[in-house]
Amino acid sequence: MFEELLRTKLIIDLGIVRPTLTVLPPSREELQQDTATLVCLASGGFPSAWSLGWKVGGSSSSSGVSRSLEVLGRDGHYSWSSTLSLTADQWKKAGSVSCEASLNGQSPVTQTLDPDRCSE
């Protein structure tokens, strides 16, 4: 019972915290092998119910997507990641690739990469 009260208090104290997103582009070596894996790192969010999604060229993409389990930090905030696998050609022609963290009732958090601005 006491643990439940502490957990409830923690939720009330933290409220909703928007995660910080970092999107990592594919490496030059990977692109030379005709693959492109992008990683979206979400850190410092609360609760863990934030979902991560991808948009390629402005359209939602669920193919080639995987998500890690969330990790609870000592500060009570969560971190997690999502990967998007594309071909090198899809990456180069995408125009933009965005990672979006969303939670019901909240405006999304978005981080976008432009393939043309990423060095090869």
Protein backbone atom coordinates (compact mmCIF):
# COMPACT_ATOMS: atom_id res chain seq x y z
CA MET A 1 0.00 0.00 0.00
CA PHE A 2 2.79 2.43 0.93
CA GLU A 3 4.57 1.81 -2.39
CA GLU A 4 1.34 2.61 -4.27
CA LEU A 5 1.06 5.94 -2.45
CA LEU A 6 4.66 6.80 -3.36
CA ARG A 7 4.08 5.93 -7.01
CA THR A 8 0.93 8.03 -7.11
CA LYS A 9 2.75 10.95 -5.51
CA LEU A 10 5.56 10.65 -8.05
CA ILE A 11 3.08 10.84 -10.94
CA ILE A 12 1.38 13.89 -9.45
CA ASP A 13 4.71 15.63 -8.84
CA LEU A 14 6.09 14.99 -12.33
CA GLY A 15 2.96 15.63 -14.36
CA ILE A 16 3.63 15.33 -18.08
CA VAL A 17 7.17 15.98 -19.23
CA ARG A 18 7.94 16.25 -22.94
CA PRO A 19 10.92 14.15 -24.02
CA THR A 20 13.92 15.60 -25.83
CA LEU A 21 14.46 13.95 -29.22
CA THR A 22 17.75 13.37 -31.00
CA VAL A 23 17.77 11.77 -34.46
CA LEU A 24 20.98 10.12 -35.61
CA PRO A 25 21.52 9.72 -39.38
CA PRO A 26 22.92 6.61 -41.07
CA SER A 27 26.68 6.29 -41.28
CA ARG A 28 28.65 6.75 -44.50
CA GLU A 29 29.77 3.11 -44.29
CA GLU A 30 26.20 1.89 -43.97
CA LEU A 31 25.05 3.95 -46.98
CA GLN A 32 27.83 2.38 -49.06
CA GLN A 33 26.20 -0.99 -48.30
CA ASP A 34 22.83 0.34 -49.58
CA THR A 35 21.20 0.49 -46.15
CA ALA A 36 20.20 3.43 -43.98
CA THR A 37 19.33 3.00 -40.31
CA LEU A 38 18.15 6.07 -38.42
CA VAL A 39 17.91 6.14 -34.64
CA CYS A 40 15.61 8.39 -32.63
CA LEU A 41 16.62 8.82 -29.00
CA ALA A 42 13.93 10.12 -26.64
CA SER A 43 15.12 11.17 -23.21
CA GLY A 44 13.73 12.78 -20.09
CA GLY A 45 10.05 12.08 -20.80
CA PHE A 46 7.19 11.24 -18.47
CA PRO A 47 5.07 9.16 -18.45
CA SER A 48 6.43 6.18 -20.38
CA ALA A 49 3.28 6.15 -22.57
CA TRP A 50 4.80 8.56 -25.13
CA SER A 51 4.90 6.78 -28.49
CA LEU A 52 7.55 7.31 -31.15
CA GLY A 53 6.66 7.40 -34.84
CA TRP A 54 8.45 8.18 -38.09
CA LYS A 55 7.57 10.27 -41.13
CA VAL A 56 9.47 9.89 -44.39
CA GLY A 57 8.91 12.70 -46.85
CA GLY A 58 5.97 13.89 -44.73
CA SER A 59 4.14 10.52 -44.74
CA SER A 60 3.88 8.21 -41.73
CA SER A 61 6.07 5.13 -41.98
CA SER A 62 5.63 1.96 -39.91
CA SER A 63 7.62 -0.41 -42.13
CA GLY A 64 11.12 -1.15 -40.86
CA VAL A 65 10.44 0.42 -37.45
CA SER A 66 11.39 -1.03 -34.07
CA ARG A 67 11.26 0.43 -30.56
CA SER A 68 13.30 -0.31 -27.47
CA LEU A 69 11.84 -0.81 -24.03
CA GLU A 70 11.76 2.33 -21.92
CA VAL A 71 14.40 2.82 -19.23
CA LEU A 72 13.46 4.59 -16.01
CA GLY A 73 16.16 6.98 -14.84
CA ARG A 74 16.99 7.84 -11.25
CA ASP A 75 15.25 11.18 -11.75
CA GLY A 76 11.93 9.42 -12.47
CA HIS A 77 11.99 10.25 -16.19
CA TYR A 78 12.06 7.75 -19.04
CA SER A 79 14.34 7.25 -22.02
CA TRP A 80 13.75 5.00 -25.02
CA SER A 81 14.60 4.75 -28.69
CA SER A 82 13.20 3.81 -32.08
CA THR A 83 15.01 2.76 -35.24
CA LEU A 84 13.91 3.17 -38.84
CA SER A 85 15.47 1.00 -41.55
CA LEU A 86 15.47 2.29 -45.13
CA THR A 87 17.45 1.60 -48.27
CA ALA A 88 20.14 4.15 -49.07
CA ASP A 89 18.05 5.25 -52.07
CA GLN A 90 14.93 5.81 -49.92
CA TRP A 91 17.02 7.90 -47.52
CA LYS A 92 18.53 10.05 -50.25
CA LYS A 93 15.16 10.66 -51.94
CA ALA A 94 13.14 11.20 -48.74
CA GLY A 95 13.37 14.99 -48.66
CA SER A 96 13.03 14.82 -44.88
CA VAL A 97 12.79 12.18 -42.17
CA SER A 98 11.11 13.03 -38.86
CA CYS A 99 10.80 11.30 -35.52
CA GLU A 100 7.71 12.29 -33.57
CA ALA A 101 6.89 11.63 -29.92
CA SER A 102 3.18 11.77 -29.18
CA LEU A 103 0.93 11.37 -26.16
CA ASN A 104 -2.87 11.71 -26.14
CA GLY A 105 -3.90 15.30 -25.56
CA GLN A 106 -0.39 16.72 -25.97
CA SER A 107 1.15 18.50 -28.92
CA PRO A 108 3.79 16.24 -30.49
CA VAL A 109 7.53 16.67 -30.13
CA THR A 110 9.26 16.45 -33.52
CA GLN A 111 12.86 16.26 -34.69
CA THR A 112 13.58 16.31 -38.45
CA LEU A 113 16.61 15.43 -40.55
CA ASP A 114 17.19 16.56 -44.12
CA PRO A 115 19.25 13.95 -46.02
CA ASP A 116 20.78 16.68 -48.19
CA ARG A 117 22.18 18.42 -45.10
CA CYS A 118 23.70 15.26 -43.61
CA SER A 119 27.27 14.66 -44.73
CA GLU A 120 28.00 11.39 -46.44
